[in-house]
């Protein structure tokens, strides 16, 4: 089973030649993406550019997820509603993260299962 977790463990990628799995974590995702020429981080991005960036990254991670793999992401509700839900549909499971009750900000963990 392959699991994709954004933020903590970015994703596990299987090398087709060696069958080894490589975990890319933390800031390593930006290095990986830059090496793959997915994004240029030298300029400030507009909201539309960030939306395009997120869509591309999330879709590439999904595309590399093996069938029956689990896609788990911890992200704010706005990005979920505007980007993830249109890409993958409603999450199979949603878990509220317990944070400080000083403000109304909510963040969730969203979970999908890739069935094909």
Protein backbone atom coordinates (compact mmCIF):
# COMPACT_ATOMS: atom_id res chain seq x y z
CA UNK A 1 0.00 0.00 0.00
CA UNK A 2 1.26 3.47 -0.87
CA UNK A 3 0.39 6.46 1.29
CA UNK A 4 0.64 10.14 0.43
CA UNK A 5 0.69 12.53 3.38
CA UNK A 6 1.22 16.20 2.62
CA UNK A 7 3.20 18.30 5.14
CA UNK A 8 4.66 15.58 7.36
CA UNK A 9 5.58 12.88 4.86
CA UNK A 10 5.13 14.38 1.42
CA UNK A 11 4.95 11.14 -0.53
CA UNK A 12 6.50 7.80 -1.11
CA UNK A 13 7.61 7.26 -4.68
CA UNK A 14 8.50 3.85 -6.03
CA UNK A 15 11.48 3.63 -8.37
CA UNK A 16 10.31 1.32 -11.21
CA UNK A 17 13.86 0.02 -11.83
CA UNK A 18 14.82 -0.87 -8.27
CA UNK A 19 11.35 -1.20 -6.69
CA UNK A 20 12.71 0.87 -3.79
CA UNK A 21 10.52 3.49 -2.18
CA UNK A 22 11.82 7.00 -1.55
CA UNK A 23 10.14 9.29 0.94
CA UNK A 24 10.32 13.01 0.21
CA UNK A 25 9.69 15.10 3.31
CA UNK A 26 9.44 18.71 4.42
CA UNK A 27 11.31 21.20 2.24
CA UNK A 28 12.47 18.30 0.09
CA UNK A 29 9.24 18.54 -1.92
CA UNK A 30 10.22 21.97 -3.23
CA UNK A 31 13.66 20.67 -4.20
CA UNK A 32 12.03 17.69 -5.91
CA UNK A 33 9.54 19.89 -7.73
CA UNK A 34 12.23 22.35 -8.79
CA UNK A 35 14.40 19.51 -10.15
CA UNK A 36 11.41 18.33 -12.16
CA UNK A 37 10.89 21.89 -13.46
CA UNK A 38 7.36 22.01 -12.09
CA UNK A 39 7.66 25.46 -10.56
CA UNK A 40 9.96 28.47 -10.53
CA UNK A 41 10.22 29.82 -6.96
CA UNK A 42 12.21 32.98 -7.81
CA UNK A 43 9.16 35.28 -8.15
CA UNK A 44 6.25 36.13 -5.88
CA UNK A 45 3.13 34.36 -7.04
CA UNK A 46 -0.38 35.69 -7.54
CA UNK A 47 -3.39 33.88 -6.09
CA UNK A 48 -4.05 32.38 -9.52
CA UNK A 49 -0.44 31.19 -9.83
CA UNK A 50 -0.60 29.58 -6.38
CA UNK A 51 -3.86 27.86 -7.35
CA UNK A 52 -2.21 26.53 -10.52
CA UNK A 53 0.82 25.41 -8.47
CA UNK A 54 -1.32 23.58 -5.90
CA UNK A 55 -3.42 21.90 -8.59
CA UNK A 56 -0.32 20.69 -10.42
CA UNK A 57 1.40 19.39 -7.29
CA UNK A 58 -1.71 17.71 -5.88
CA UNK A 59 -2.55 16.12 -9.24
CA UNK A 60 1.01 14.85 -9.77
CA UNK A 61 1.01 13.29 -6.31
CA UNK A 62 -2.37 11.67 -7.00
CA UNK A 63 -1.22 10.40 -10.40
CA UNK A 64 1.81 8.72 -8.78
CA UNK A 65 -0.27 7.10 -6.07
CA UNK A 66 -0.72 3.39 -6.65
CA UNK A 67 -4.24 1.89 -6.86
CA UNK A 68 -5.70 1.41 -3.37
CA UNK A 69 -3.20 3.98 -2.04
CA UNK A 70 -4.27 6.52 0.55
CA UNK A 71 -3.92 10.28 -0.05
CA UNK A 72 -3.79 12.27 3.18
CA UNK A 73 -3.35 16.03 3.38
CA UNK A 74 -3.37 18.52 6.23
CA UNK A 75 -4.36 21.86 4.73
CA UNK A 76 -6.63 24.81 5.39
CA UNK A 77 -10.28 24.61 4.47
CA UNK A 78 -10.10 27.24 1.72
CA UNK A 79 -7.54 25.30 -0.33
CA UNK A 80 -9.57 22.13 0.21
CA UNK A 81 -12.76 23.76 -1.06
CA UNK A 82 -11.21 25.67 -3.96
CA UNK A 83 -8.64 23.15 -5.19
CA UNK A 84 -8.79 19.66 -3.70
CA UNK A 85 -12.55 19.09 -3.76
CA UNK A 86 -12.86 20.00 -7.46
CA UNK A 87 -9.87 17.74 -8.28
CA UNK A 88 -10.77 14.64 -6.25
CA UNK A 89 -14.32 15.16 -5.01
CA UNK A 90 -15.28 15.23 -1.34
CA UNK A 91 -12.78 13.63 1.03
CA UNK A 92 -13.59 10.12 2.19
CA UNK A 93 -12.78 11.21 5.74
CA UNK A 94 -12.19 14.58 7.42
CA UNK A 95 -10.46 14.99 10.78
CA UNK A 96 -10.48 18.33 12.62
CA UNK A 97 -7.07 19.25 14.01
CA UNK A 98 -7.25 20.44 17.57
CA UNK A 99 -5.58 23.83 17.77
CA UNK A 100 -5.81 26.85 19.99
CA UNK A 101 -9.34 28.14 20.51
CA UNK A 102 -8.13 31.77 20.41
CA UNK A 103 -9.57 32.25 16.92
CA UNK A 104 -12.02 30.66 14.51
CA UNK A 105 -9.32 29.26 12.19
CA UNK A 106 -9.90 25.59 11.43
CA UNK A 107 -7.61 23.13 9.76
CA UNK A 108 -8.43 19.57 8.83
CA UNK A 109 -6.78 16.39 7.67
CA UNK A 110 -8.49 15.20 4.46
CA UNK A 111 -8.28 11.59 3.33
CA UNK A 112 -9.01 9.97 -0.05
CA UNK A 113 -8.52 6.40 -1.26
CA UNK A 114 -7.46 5.81 -4.87
CA UNK A 115 -9.60 2.91 -6.07
CA UNK A 116 -8.28 2.48 -9.62
